[in-house]
Each structure stands twice: as C-alpha cells, then as structure tokens.
Amino acid sequence: MSEGEQDVATGRAASSAADRSAWDLTRGSGSAPADGMAGAIVLDLPGAAHVAFSTRQGGVSEGSYRSLNLGILTDDDPERVSENRRRLAARAGVDPGSVAMGWQVHGTDMLEWSGPPARGGYASPGAELDRVDGHATSTRGLGLLVLAADCLPVALASPERVAIVHCGWRGLAAGILERALQGFEAKPAAGIGPGIGACCYEVGPEVLSAFEGAGAAPAASVPSAARAGTAPAGARSHAARPEAAQPSVAPVGHLDLRAIARSKLHAAGVSRIEDVNLCTSCREDLFFSHRRDGAGTGRQGALAWRVA
C-alpha cells in the first residue's frame, strides 16, 4: 500500500460509525428513491466502487439552500456548507480530507489523483482549486466529487479505477466523457445521476448547433418519464441498448443531456449503464436547480470512491 493509500485508509477508519448510520443512504440499482427520502442515491459499481448522488435533504442550511447545500460559491453560510460537506463524507465513510474536487469551468480537463488533495478544498472550503471538470483515481478510500445544480454527473468505474465527470452541455459537446473514458484500459460501467431533463431544458439554437453531427436529432416527443421527472415505476438498471441510447432534442428546442450522455457511452462500448433518471428541475423536493430557481440556489454533489 502506498503512503497516500495508507493516509486515506487511516482517515476513513476514523469516520464516525454512528454518524454514518444516522443517515438514510438508499442503495439503488438505477431505480428512483421514494418521495421524501433523506440522504442520497447510491449506486454500486465494479471494483468495490460506489457513487453517491446527494439530494438536498439531510443538511443544516436554511431558506433557498435548505438543507444539504454543498456549494461554497453561494450566499449560504460557509459554516453550514462545511457541516453539510462533513456530513456527506462521513455518511459515505470517506474522510473529508480525502475528498478531491475542482473549480468547475464547463471544460474537458481531468485530474488524476494518487492521494488526498494537499491544499484541501472539500474539507477546507475556499481553498485554491484546479480548474477541472473531472477526476479519476485508482487509490482506494479517496473520494472524487463534482457539484451540480442541473448539469449531469456521470461516474465511471472498472475493477481498477473510478472517475467522476461534470457534464454540462458545453463539456458534453467538447468531449469530456470521451476524455474520461480514455483513461480506462477495460471498459467501465457508468452511473448517471440526477440532472435537468429534456422536459425542462429549453435551449437556444447555439446550444443545439453544438451537437450537430454528433447524432442528436429532433424527436417526435419528450419521453413520458422525462416529462414526469421521475423514473418509471419499478425501473431498474439495464445495459445500454442502441435503440434506448439515441440522443434526442424535443421539437420545441429542448435538449436531452441524459440521452446524449447515454449515446456517447454506448458509442464507446460501455455496456452497463446505471441511470437514476430523475430531473432536478421537476423534483424540487429532492434537488437544487439553477434553471428552476435562478442563481440563489444550492448545489448537490456526486461523490465516487473505491472502498478502502
């Protein structure tokens, strides 16, 4: 075990078991959580890897940031954000000092991590961060985090490696998923978290034009599951199928980020895709949404890690 891995394992062992058990982590297989579920949607991925997609529930923030806001670049109380971050890490069993994150800029840059971040960032909100939108590691016990308030978080995991990617329309169009996939020798499994659905994501021609030639085409209608903002009853995880993975743009100019991500994963040979299929804009009870609420909203997170 490397020195970095030993540090991560030691920090993880110090997490409070009582704190973890007090939080309702719902482990899913691509199915939607029950209404009112407090905590996160957790997917199990290969290589003893997991990804937790946090909801807005279970934290200490108030007002428009109620309650598990993880975004420090908001008008929320920084001490409340710090406590929310501590809760998420502790309840996932990861030491807060071993969670890596970046300053997201809707680009395609990735960072490779071999040990805990030297400058902090997650555990020390306000620290200087590298401007990247994706993270990857082979180190066990090291958490990788991206924040979102409508953009799509995507986790990738193989038996030897895990990555987390922040996929807004700019990053998807520029190829951040393809870049993340290049770091895997074996084809990974993917976990797609909550993000704004085609039902709510009306965009302008400049956004639609970014996907011309990439397989995105007008659709006859927005899928019923997207209109509802929830997964169909009894939905389960399933391997990507060509007919189910085609990106679509609703005829009124709505962009389907989820379908575009699925299409890109399928094109790269990814055969196992777990998808929570929840719209952040529709589900005000579960998620923050910049499109729905404007700038004065919080951020949920996607935390991926390999168990130490």
C-alpha atoms as a PDB file:
ATOM      1  CA  MET A   1       0.000   0.000   0.000  1.00  0.00           C
ATOM      2  CA  SER A   2       1.389   3.420  -0.922  1.00  0.00           C
ATOM      3  CA  GLU A   3       1.839   6.223   1.613  1.00  0.00           C
ATOM      4  CA  GLY A   4      -1.103   8.078   0.075  1.00  0.00           C
ATOM      5  CA  GLU A   5      -3.298   4.989   0.325  1.00  0.00           C
ATOM      6  CA  GLN A   6      -2.309   4.488   3.962  1.00  0.00           C
ATOM      7  CA  ASP A   7      -3.293   8.069   4.759  1.00  0.00           C
ATOM      8  CA  VAL A   8      -6.644   7.597   3.058  1.00  0.00           C
ATOM      9  CA  ALA A   9      -7.355   4.311   4.832  1.00  0.00           C
ATOM     10  CA  THR A  10      -6.437   5.807   8.209  1.00  0.00           C
ATOM     11  CA  GLY A  11      -8.716   8.788   7.684  1.00  0.00           C
ATOM     12  CA  ARG A  12     -11.552   6.566   6.545  1.00  0.00           C
ATOM     13  CA  ALA A  13     -11.268   4.378   9.640  1.00  0.00           C
ATOM     14  CA  ALA A  14     -11.655   7.469  11.781  1.00  0.00           C
ATOM     15  CA  SER A  15     -15.114   8.270  10.371  1.00  0.00           C
ATOM     16  CA  SER A  16     -17.899   8.034  12.910  1.00  0.00           C
ATOM     17  CA  ALA A  17     -19.949   4.852  12.533  1.00  0.00           C
ATOM     18  CA  ALA A  18     -22.776   6.478  14.472  1.00  0.00           C
ATOM     19  CA  ASP A  19     -22.810   9.436  12.085  1.00  0.00           C
ATOM     20  CA  ARG A  20     -22.966   7.095   9.096  1.00  0.00           C
ATOM     21  CA  SER A  21     -25.801   5.008  10.494  1.00  0.00           C
ATOM     22  CA  ALA A  22     -27.856   8.122  11.231  1.00  0.00           C
ATOM     23  CA  TRP A  23     -28.116   8.920   7.533  1.00  0.00           C
ATOM     24  CA  ASP A  24     -30.518   7.232   5.164  1.00  0.00           C
ATOM     25  CA  LEU A  25     -28.348   6.071   2.283  1.00  0.00           C
ATOM     26  CA  THR A  26     -30.573   4.344  -0.234  1.00  0.00           C
ATOM     27  CA  ARG A  27     -28.671   1.853  -2.345  1.00  0.00           C
ATOM     28  CA  GLY A  28     -30.211   1.598  -5.747  1.00  0.00           C
ATOM     29  CA  SER A  29     -29.856  -0.268  -8.968  1.00  0.00           C
ATOM     30  CA  GLY A  30     -30.911   2.605 -11.136  1.00  0.00           C
ATOM     31  CA  SER A  31     -34.327   2.965  -9.534  1.00  0.00           C
ATOM     32  CA  ALA A  32     -35.709   6.207  -8.166  1.00  0.00           C
ATOM     33  CA  PRO A  33     -35.765   6.879  -4.426  1.00  0.00           C
ATOM     34  CA  ALA A  34     -39.034   7.062  -2.583  1.00  0.00           C
ATOM     35  CA  ASP A  35     -40.515  10.535  -2.176  1.00  0.00           C
ATOM     36  CA  GLY A  36     -39.207  12.205   0.955  1.00  0.00           C
ATOM     37  CA  MET A  37     -36.076  10.024   1.116  1.00  0.00           C
ATOM     38  CA  ALA A  38     -33.374  11.850   3.067  1.00  0.00           C
ATOM     39  CA  GLY A  39     -29.774  11.311   2.048  1.00  0.00           C
ATOM     40  CA  ALA A  40     -28.540  10.162  -1.319  1.00  0.00           C
ATOM     41  CA  ILE A  41     -28.998   7.758  -4.180  1.00  0.00           C
ATOM     42  CA  VAL A  42     -26.128   5.277  -4.027  1.00  0.00           C
ATOM     43  CA  LEU A  43     -25.117   3.032  -6.915  1.00  0.00           C
ATOM     44  CA  ASP A  44     -22.740   0.088  -6.549  1.00  0.00           C
ATOM     45  CA  LEU A  45     -20.225  -0.151  -9.394  1.00  0.00           C
ATOM     46  CA  PRO A  46     -17.381  -2.573 -10.282  1.00  0.00           C
ATOM     47  CA  GLY A  47     -14.163  -2.785  -8.278  1.00  0.00           C
ATOM     48  CA  ALA A  48     -15.884  -2.197  -4.927  1.00  0.00           C
ATOM     49  CA  ALA A  49     -16.669   1.308  -6.169  1.00  0.00           C
ATOM     50  CA  HIS A  50     -19.701   3.384  -5.250  1.00  0.00           C
ATOM     51  CA  VAL A  51     -21.191   6.711  -6.260  1.00  0.00           C
ATOM     52  CA  ALA A  52     -23.485   8.717  -4.009  1.00  0.00           C
ATOM     53  CA  PHE A  53     -25.670  11.333  -5.681  1.00  0.00           C
ATOM     54  CA  SER A  54     -26.677  13.624  -2.830  1.00  0.00           C
ATOM     55  CA  THR A  55     -30.133  15.141  -2.550  1.00  0.00           C
ATOM     56  CA  ARG A  56     -30.959  18.475  -0.933  1.00  0.00           C
ATOM     57  CA  GLN A  57     -32.155  16.688   2.201  1.00  0.00           C
ATOM     58  CA  GLY A  58     -30.333  15.886   5.415  1.00  0.00           C
ATOM     59  CA  GLY A  59     -28.274  19.048   5.937  1.00  0.00           C
ATOM     60  CA  VAL A  60     -28.274  22.197   8.068  1.00  0.00           C
ATOM     61  CA  SER A  61     -28.688  25.024   5.545  1.00  0.00           C
ATOM     62  CA  GLU A  62     -31.834  27.142   5.537  1.00  0.00           C
ATOM     63  CA  GLY A  63     -34.009  29.132   3.161  1.00  0.00           C
ATOM     64  CA  SER A  64     -33.377  28.570  -0.534  1.00  0.00           C
ATOM     65  CA  TYR A  65     -30.358  26.430   0.410  1.00  0.00           C
ATOM     66  CA  ARG A  66     -32.354  24.001   2.539  1.00  0.00           C
ATOM     67  CA  SER A  67     -30.756  21.827   3.520  1.00  0.00           C
ATOM     68  CA  LEU A  68     -27.748  19.828   2.221  1.00  0.00           C
ATOM     69  CA  ASN A  69     -26.163  22.568   0.109  1.00  0.00           C
ATOM     70  CA  LEU A  70     -22.561  21.668  -0.789  1.00  0.00           C
ATOM     71  CA  GLY A  71     -21.736  24.791  -2.806  1.00  0.00           C
ATOM     72  CA  ILE A  72     -19.433  27.308  -1.146  1.00  0.00           C
ATOM     73  CA  LEU A  73     -19.741  29.790  -4.053  1.00  0.00           C
ATOM     74  CA  THR A  74     -23.257  30.713  -2.988  1.00  0.00           C
ATOM     75  CA  ASP A  75     -24.680  33.141  -0.442  1.00  0.00           C
ATOM     76  CA  ASP A  76     -25.146  30.315   2.044  1.00  0.00           C
ATOM     77  CA  ASP A  77     -23.373  30.435   5.420  1.00  0.00           C
ATOM     78  CA  PRO A  78     -19.891  28.910   4.850  1.00  0.00           C
ATOM     79  CA  GLU A  79     -20.022  27.149   8.210  1.00  0.00           C
ATOM     80  CA  ARG A  80     -23.262  25.446   7.219  1.00  0.00           C
ATOM     81  CA  VAL A  81     -21.744  24.385   3.892  1.00  0.00           C
ATOM     82  CA  SER A  82     -18.744  22.947   5.745  1.00  0.00           C
ATOM     83  CA  GLU A  83     -21.025  20.965   8.033  1.00  0.00           C
ATOM     84  CA  ASN A  84     -23.036  19.701   5.077  1.00  0.00           C
ATOM     85  CA  ARG A  85     -19.855  18.537   3.379  1.00  0.00           C
ATOM     86  CA  ARG A  86     -18.685  16.836   6.547  1.00  0.00           C
ATOM     87  CA  ARG A  87     -21.996  15.016   6.800  1.00  0.00           C
ATOM     88  CA  LEU A  88     -21.900  13.752   3.235  1.00  0.00           C
ATOM     89  CA  ALA A  89     -18.345  12.436   3.563  1.00  0.00           C
ATOM     90  CA  ALA A  90     -18.862  10.888   6.991  1.00  0.00           C
ATOM     91  CA  ARG A  91     -22.076   9.186   5.992  1.00  0.00           C
ATOM     92  CA  ALA A  92     -20.371   7.719   2.923  1.00  0.00           C
ATOM     93  CA  GLY A  93     -17.487   6.540   5.078  1.00  0.00           C
ATOM     94  CA  VAL A  94     -14.864   8.773   3.459  1.00  0.00           C
ATOM     95  CA  ASP A  95     -12.605  11.133   5.406  1.00  0.00           C
ATOM     96  CA  PRO A  96     -13.457  14.745   4.381  1.00  0.00           C
ATOM     97  CA  GLY A  97      -9.754  15.465   3.979  1.00  0.00           C
ATOM     98  CA  SER A  98      -9.572  12.697   1.400  1.00  0.00           C
ATOM     99  CA  VAL A  99     -12.210  14.138  -0.937  1.00  0.00           C
ATOM    100  CA  ALA A 100     -10.827  15.732  -4.105  1.00  0.00           C
ATOM    101  CA  MET A 101     -12.713  18.329  -6.108  1.00  0.00           C
ATOM    102  CA  GLY A 102     -12.050  21.161  -8.558  1.00  0.00           C
ATOM    103  CA  TRP A 103     -13.275  24.570  -9.673  1.00  0.00           C
ATOM    104  CA  GLN A 104     -15.658  23.583 -12.453  1.00  0.00           C
ATOM    105  CA  VAL A 105     -15.459  25.586 -15.677  1.00  0.00           C
ATOM    106  CA  HIS A 106     -17.555  23.507 -18.122  1.00  0.00           C
ATOM    107  CA  GLY A 107     -14.408  22.266 -19.844  1.00  0.00           C
ATOM    108  CA  THR A 108     -12.847  18.883 -20.601  1.00  0.00           C
ATOM    109  CA  ASP A 109      -9.807  18.796 -18.316  1.00  0.00           C
ATOM    110  CA  MET A 110      -9.404  15.878 -15.917  1.00  0.00           C
ATOM    111  CA  LEU A 111      -7.206  15.441 -12.854  1.00  0.00           C
ATOM    112  CA  GLU A 112      -5.592  12.146 -11.829  1.00  0.00           C
ATOM    113  CA  TRP A 113      -5.311  11.657  -8.061  1.00  0.00           C
ATOM    114  CA  SER A 114      -2.956   9.276  -6.229  1.00  0.00           C
ATOM    115  CA  GLY A 115      -3.640  10.591  -2.732  1.00  0.00           C
ATOM    116  CA  PRO A 116      -5.601  13.188  -0.748  1.00  0.00           C
ATOM    117  CA  PRO A 117      -5.555  16.793  -2.002  1.00  0.00           C
ATOM    118  CA  ALA A 118      -2.653  18.662  -0.424  1.00  0.00           C
ATOM    119  CA  ARG A 119      -4.470  22.013  -0.415  1.00  0.00           C
ATOM    120  CA  GLY A 120      -7.800  20.760   0.850  1.00  0.00           C
ATOM    121  CA  GLY A 121     -10.807  22.221  -0.925  1.00  0.00           C
ATOM    122  CA  TYR A 122     -13.667  19.995   0.109  1.00  0.00           C
ATOM    123  CA  ALA A 123     -12.726  19.870   3.777  1.00  0.00           C
ATOM    124  CA  SER A 124     -11.447  23.475   3.657  1.00  0.00           C
ATOM    125  CA  PRO A 125     -13.949  25.468   1.596  1.00  0.00           C
ATOM    126  CA  GLY A 126     -12.323  28.456  -0.057  1.00  0.00           C
ATOM    127  CA  ALA A 127      -9.009  26.724  -0.776  1.00  0.00           C
ATOM    128  CA  GLU A 128      -7.432  27.216  -4.191  1.00  0.00           C
ATOM    129  CA  LEU A 129      -8.686  24.586  -6.640  1.00  0.00           C
ATOM    130  CA  ASP A 130      -7.553  23.423 -10.053  1.00  0.00           C
ATOM    131  CA  ARG A 131      -9.999  24.373 -12.800  1.00  0.00           C
ATOM    132  CA  VAL A 132     -11.187  20.984 -13.988  1.00  0.00           C
ATOM    133  CA  ASP A 133     -14.479  19.181 -14.553  1.00  0.00           C
ATOM    134  CA  GLY A 134     -13.437  15.584 -13.994  1.00  0.00           C
ATOM    135  CA  HIS A 135     -11.403  13.457 -11.605  1.00  0.00           C
ATOM    136  CA  ALA A 136     -10.024   9.918 -11.669  1.00  0.00           C
ATOM    137  CA  THR A 137      -8.116   7.632  -9.319  1.00  0.00           C
ATOM    138  CA  SER A 138      -7.055   4.057  -8.682  1.00  0.00           C
ATOM    139  CA  THR A 139      -6.498   4.748  -4.982  1.00  0.00           C
ATOM    140  CA  ARG A 140      -8.928   3.145  -2.573  1.00  0.00           C
ATOM    141  CA  GLY A 141     -10.637   5.332   0.023  1.00  0.00           C
ATOM    142  CA  LEU A 142     -10.092   8.529  -1.951  1.00  0.00           C
ATOM    143  CA  GLY A 143     -13.304  10.400  -2.755  1.00  0.00           C
ATOM    144  CA  LEU A 144     -13.879  12.274  -6.005  1.00  0.00           C
ATOM    145  CA  LEU A 145     -16.556  14.954  -6.088  1.00  0.00           C
ATOM    146  CA  VAL A 146     -18.308  17.144  -8.632  1.00  0.00           C
ATOM    147  CA  LEU A 147     -21.066  19.642  -7.864  1.00  0.00           C
ATOM    148  CA  ALA A 148     -24.180  20.278  -9.923  1.00  0.00           C
ATOM    149  CA  ALA A 149     -27.472  22.147  -9.925  1.00  0.00           C
ATOM    150  CA  ASP A 150     -28.810  20.849 -13.279  1.00  0.00           C
ATOM    151  CA  CYS A 151     -25.721  19.555 -15.099  1.00  0.00           C
ATOM    152  CA  LEU A 152     -25.357  15.804 -15.340  1.00  0.00           C
ATOM    153  CA  PRO A 153     -22.876  13.985 -13.065  1.00  0.00           C
ATOM    154  CA  VAL A 154     -21.523  10.742 -14.530  1.00  0.00           C
ATOM    155  CA  ALA A 155     -19.438   8.167 -12.644  1.00  0.00           C
ATOM    156  CA  LEU A 156     -17.252   5.587 -14.390  1.00  0.00           C
ATOM    157  CA  ALA A 157     -15.778   2.517 -12.707  1.00  0.00           C
ATOM    158  CA  SER A 158     -13.784  -0.554 -13.696  1.00  0.00           C
ATOM    159  CA  PRO A 159     -12.231  -3.153 -11.371  1.00  0.00           C
ATOM    160  CA  GLU A 160      -9.105  -0.976 -11.123  1.00  0.00           C
ATOM    161  CA  ARG A 161     -10.268   2.619 -11.412  1.00  0.00           C
ATOM    162  CA  VAL A 162     -13.027   5.153 -10.774  1.00  0.00           C
ATOM    163  CA  ALA A 163     -13.792   8.573 -12.264  1.00  0.00           C
ATOM    164  CA  ILE A 164     -16.431  11.276 -11.829  1.00  0.00           C
ATOM    165  CA  VAL A 165     -17.335  13.823 -14.506  1.00  0.00           C
ATOM    166  CA  HIS A 166     -19.355  17.056 -14.516  1.00  0.00           C
ATOM    167  CA  CYS A 167     -21.318  17.092 -17.782  1.00  0.00           C
ATOM    168  CA  GLY A 168     -22.938  20.345 -18.769  1.00  0.00           C
ATOM    169  CA  TRP A 169     -23.837  20.885 -22.406  1.00  0.00           C
ATOM    170  CA  ARG A 170     -20.504  22.552 -23.154  1.00  0.00           C
ATOM    171  CA  GLY A 171     -18.494  19.711 -21.667  1.00  0.00           C
ATOM    172  CA  LEU A 172     -20.580  17.050 -23.372  1.00  0.00           C
ATOM    173  CA  ALA A 173     -20.260  18.792 -26.729  1.00  0.00           C
ATOM    174  CA  ALA A 174     -16.499  19.252 -26.277  1.00  0.00           C
ATOM    175  CA  GLY A 175     -15.905  15.589 -25.396  1.00  0.00           C
ATOM    176  CA  ILE A 176     -15.340  15.361 -21.647  1.00  0.00           C
ATOM    177  CA  LEU A 177     -16.934  11.908 -21.457  1.00  0.00           C
ATOM    178  CA  GLU A 178     -14.725  10.608 -24.249  1.00  0.00           C
ATOM    179  CA  ARG A 179     -11.680  12.033 -22.496  1.00  0.00           C
ATOM    180  CA  ALA A 180     -12.607  10.384 -19.209  1.00  0.00           C
ATOM    181  CA  LEU A 181     -13.132   7.045 -20.943  1.00  0.00           C
ATOM    182  CA  GLN A 182      -9.653   7.198 -22.480  1.00  0.00           C
ATOM    183  CA  GLY A 183      -8.184   6.698 -19.012  1.00  0.00           C
ATOM    184  CA  PHE A 184      -9.663   3.198 -18.687  1.00  0.00           C
ATOM    185  CA  GLU A 185      -7.913   0.114 -20.042  1.00  0.00           C
ATOM    186  CA  ALA A 186     -11.032  -2.018 -19.505  1.00  0.00           C
ATOM    187  CA  LYS A 187     -14.473  -0.769 -20.472  1.00  0.00           C
ATOM    188  CA  PRO A 188     -16.008   0.739 -17.323  1.00  0.00           C
ATOM    189  CA  ALA A 189     -19.539   0.681 -16.038  1.00  0.00           C
ATOM    190  CA  ALA A 190     -21.291   4.049 -15.813  1.00  0.00           C
ATOM    191  CA  GLY A 191     -23.626   5.645 -13.300  1.00  0.00           C
ATOM    192  CA  ILE A 192     -25.655   8.653 -14.468  1.00  0.00           C
ATOM    193  CA  GLY A 193     -27.006  10.857 -11.718  1.00  0.00           C
ATOM    194  CA  PRO A 194     -29.846  13.366 -11.488  1.00  0.00           C
ATOM    195  CA  GLY A 195     -29.803  16.272 -13.917  1.00  0.00           C
ATOM    196  CA  ILE A 196     -32.172  18.536 -15.755  1.00  0.00           C
ATOM    197  CA  GLY A 197     -34.419  16.541 -18.073  1.00  0.00           C
ATOM    198  CA  ALA A 198     -35.493  17.204 -21.626  1.00  0.00           C
ATOM    199  CA  CYS A 199     -38.855  18.166 -20.124  1.00  0.00           C
ATOM    200  CA  CYS A 200     -37.387  21.334 -18.595  1.00  0.00           C
ATOM    201  CA  TYR A 201     -34.243  22.127 -20.587  1.00  0.00           C
ATOM    202  CA  GLU A 202     -35.242  24.522 -23.343  1.00  0.00           C
ATOM    203  CA  VAL A 203     -32.162  25.874 -25.106  1.00  0.00           C
ATOM    204  CA  GLY A 204     -31.270  28.257 -27.906  1.00  0.00           C
ATOM    205  CA  PRO A 205     -30.033  27.453 -31.417  1.00  0.00           C
ATOM    206  CA  GLU A 206     -26.404  27.994 -30.393  1.00  0.00           C
ATOM    207  CA  VAL A 207     -26.679  25.091 -27.968  1.00  0.00           C
ATOM    208  CA  LEU A 208     -28.463  22.822 -30.424  1.00  0.00           C
ATOM    209  CA  SER A 209     -25.868  23.600 -33.087  1.00  0.00           C
ATOM    210  CA  ALA A 210     -23.103  22.364 -30.765  1.00  0.00           C
ATOM    211  CA  PHE A 211     -24.484  18.852 -31.177  1.00  0.00           C
ATOM    212  CA  GLU A 212     -24.986  18.902 -34.940  1.00  0.00           C
ATOM    213  CA  GLY A 213     -23.168  15.983 -36.483  1.00  0.00           C
ATOM    214  CA  ALA A 214     -22.935  14.238 -33.111  1.00  0.00           C
ATOM    215  CA  GLY A 215     -26.044  12.116 -33.562  1.00  0.00           C
ATOM    216  CA  ALA A 216     -28.534  14.437 -31.875  1.00  0.00           C
ATOM    217  CA  ALA A 217     -31.723  14.650 -33.866  1.00  0.00           C
ATOM    218  CA  PRO A 218     -35.229  16.023 -33.397  1.00  0.00           C
ATOM    219  CA  ALA A 219     -37.551  13.691 -31.550  1.00  0.00           C
ATOM    220  CA  ALA A 220     -41.251  13.175 -32.007  1.00  0.00           C
ATOM    221  CA  SER A 221     -41.872  13.858 -28.349  1.00  0.00           C
ATOM    222  CA  VAL A 222     -40.201  14.125 -24.983  1.00  0.00           C
ATOM    223  CA  PRO A 223     -40.218  10.684 -23.284  1.00  0.00           C
ATOM    224  CA  SER A 224     -43.006  10.337 -20.732  1.00  0.00           C
ATOM    225  CA  ALA A 225     -40.512   9.557 -17.965  1.00  0.00           C
ATOM    226  CA  ALA A 226     -38.719  12.820 -18.666  1.00  0.00           C
ATOM    227  CA  ARG A 227     -41.986  14.780 -18.610  1.00  0.00           C
ATOM    228  CA  ALA A 228     -42.795  13.363 -15.190  1.00  0.00           C
ATOM    229  CA  GLY A 229     -39.303  13.985 -13.851  1.00  0.00           C
ATOM    230  CA  THR A 230     -39.231  10.570 -12.220  1.00  0.00           C
ATOM    231  CA  ALA A 231     -38.188   7.096 -13.206  1.00  0.00           C
ATOM    232  CA  PRO A 232     -40.980   4.774 -14.303  1.00  0.00           C
ATOM    233  CA  ALA A 233     -42.425   2.617 -11.545  1.00  0.00           C
ATOM    234  CA  GLY A 234     -40.237  -0.414 -10.974  1.00  0.00           C
ATOM    235  CA  ALA A 235     -37.410   0.967 -13.128  1.00  0.00           C
ATOM    236  CA  ARG A 236     -34.179  -0.965 -12.795  1.00  0.00           C
ATOM    237  CA  SER A 237     -30.663  -0.614 -14.115  1.00  0.00           C
ATOM    238  CA  HIS A 238     -30.086  -2.023 -17.561  1.00  0.00           C
ATOM    239  CA  ALA A 239     -27.342  -2.329 -20.134  1.00  0.00           C
ATOM    240  CA  ALA A 240     -27.266   0.363 -22.761  1.00  0.00           C
ATOM    241  CA  ARG A 241     -29.182  -0.627 -25.885  1.00  0.00           C
ATOM    242  CA  PRO A 242     -28.717   1.151 -29.225  1.00  0.00           C
ATOM    243  CA  GLU A 243     -32.417   1.870 -29.535  1.00  0.00           C
ATOM    244  CA  ALA A 244     -32.592   3.226 -25.970  1.00  0.00           C
ATOM    245  CA  ALA A 245     -29.460   5.340 -26.117  1.00  0.00           C
ATOM    246  CA  GLN A 246     -30.118   7.680 -29.024  1.00  0.00           C
ATOM    247  CA  PRO A 247     -29.864  11.366 -28.020  1.00  0.00           C
ATOM    248  CA  SER A 248     -32.941  13.435 -28.679  1.00  0.00           C
ATOM    249  CA  VAL A 249     -33.938  17.050 -28.885  1.00  0.00           C
ATOM    250  CA  ALA A 250     -37.628  17.803 -28.384  1.00  0.00           C
ATOM    251  CA  PRO A 251     -39.203  19.652 -31.323  1.00  0.00           C
ATOM    252  CA  VAL A 252     -39.619  22.821 -29.251  1.00  0.00           C
ATOM    253  CA  GLY A 253     -35.860  23.070 -28.704  1.00  0.00           C
ATOM    254  CA  HIS A 254     -35.387  21.034 -25.542  1.00  0.00           C
ATOM    255  CA  LEU A 255     -32.045  19.296 -25.112  1.00  0.00           C
ATOM    256  CA  ASP A 256     -31.784  15.795 -23.619  1.00  0.00           C
ATOM    257  CA  LEU A 257     -28.429  15.714 -21.832  1.00  0.00           C
ATOM    258  CA  ARG A 258     -29.114  12.279 -20.393  1.00  0.00           C
ATOM    259  CA  ALA A 259     -29.783  10.684 -23.772  1.00  0.00           C
ATOM    260  CA  ILE A 260     -26.724  12.356 -25.280  1.00  0.00           C
ATOM    261  CA  ALA A 261     -24.542  11.004 -22.463  1.00  0.00           C
ATOM    262  CA  ARG A 262     -26.003   7.527 -22.897  1.00  0.00           C
ATOM    263  CA  SER A 263     -25.352   7.652 -26.645  1.00  0.00           C
ATOM    264  CA  LYS A 264     -21.739   8.676 -26.120  1.00  0.00           C
ATOM    265  CA  LEU A 265     -21.207   5.907 -23.571  1.00  0.00           C
ATOM    266  CA  HIS A 266     -22.763   3.343 -25.873  1.00  0.00           C
ATOM    267  CA  ALA A 267     -20.632   4.529 -28.807  1.00  0.00           C
ATOM    268  CA  ALA A 268     -17.537   3.991 -26.643  1.00  0.00           C
ATOM    269  CA  GLY A 269     -18.537   0.398 -25.920  1.00  0.00           C
ATOM    270  CA  VAL A 270     -19.899   0.839 -22.405  1.00  0.00           C
ATOM    271  CA  SER A 271     -22.387  -1.994 -21.899  1.00  0.00           C
ATOM    272  CA  ARG A 272     -23.501  -1.378 -18.318  1.00  0.00           C
ATOM    273  CA  ILE A 273     -25.190   1.931 -17.560  1.00  0.00           C
ATOM    274  CA  GLU A 274     -26.992   2.675 -14.290  1.00  0.00           C
ATOM    275  CA  ASP A 275     -29.290   5.693 -14.604  1.00  0.00           C
ATOM    276  CA  VAL A 276     -31.307   7.262 -11.767  1.00  0.00           C
ATOM    277  CA  ASN A 277     -33.456   9.048 -14.386  1.00  0.00           C
ATOM    278  CA  LEU A 278     -34.530  11.984 -12.219  1.00  0.00           C
ATOM    279  CA  CYS A 279     -34.992  15.597 -13.337  1.00  0.00           C
ATOM    280  CA  THR A 280     -33.508  18.164 -10.964  1.00  0.00           C
ATOM    281  CA  SER A 281     -35.887  20.868 -12.170  1.00  0.00           C
ATOM    282  CA  CYS A 282     -39.035  18.766 -11.718  1.00  0.00           C
ATOM    283  CA  ARG A 283     -38.094  17.388  -8.306  1.00  0.00           C
ATOM    284  CA  GLU A 284     -37.922  20.477  -6.096  1.00  0.00           C
ATOM    285  CA  ASP A 285     -38.405  18.212  -3.082  1.00  0.00           C
ATOM    286  CA  LEU A 286     -35.146  16.384  -3.813  1.00  0.00           C
ATOM    287  CA  PHE A 287     -32.810  18.644  -5.753  1.00  0.00           C
ATOM    288  CA  PHE A 288     -31.479  22.140  -6.271  1.00  0.00           C
ATOM    289  CA  SER A 289     -31.974  23.535  -9.782  1.00  0.00           C
ATOM    290  CA  HIS A 290     -30.418  26.633 -11.289  1.00  0.00           C
ATOM    291  CA  ARG A 291     -32.868  26.613 -14.194  1.00  0.00           C
ATOM    292  CA  ARG A 292     -35.859  26.457 -11.847  1.00  0.00           C
ATOM    293  CA  ASP A 293     -34.682  28.729  -9.016  1.00  0.00           C
ATOM    294  CA  GLY A 294     -32.048  31.008 -10.523  1.00  0.00           C
ATOM    295  CA  ALA A 295     -28.663  31.906  -9.080  1.00  0.00           C
ATOM    296  CA  GLY A 296     -29.821  31.801  -5.454  1.00  0.00           C
ATOM    297  CA  THR A 297     -29.889  28.038  -5.188  1.00  0.00           C
ATOM    298  CA  GLY A 298     -27.649  25.377  -3.726  1.00  0.00           C
ATOM    299  CA  ARG A 299     -25.574  22.578  -5.191  1.00  0.00           C
ATOM    300  CA  GLN A 300     -25.864  18.842  -4.800  1.00  0.00           C
ATOM    301  CA  GLY A 301     -22.887  16.589  -5.283  1.00  0.00           C
ATOM    302  CA  ALA A 302     -21.795  13.319  -6.839  1.00  0.00           C
ATOM    303  CA  LEU A 303     -19.202  11.527  -4.714  1.00  0.00           C
ATOM    304  CA  ALA A 304     -17.431   8.487  -6.177  1.00  0.00           C
ATOM    305  CA  TRP A 305     -14.933   6.293  -4.352  1.00  0.00           C
ATOM    306  CA  ARG A 306     -13.341   2.846  -4.182  1.00  0.00           C
ATOM    307  CA  VAL A 307     -13.788   1.177  -0.819  1.00  0.00           C
ATOM    308  CA  ALA A 308     -10.535   1.009   1.173  1.00  0.00           C
END
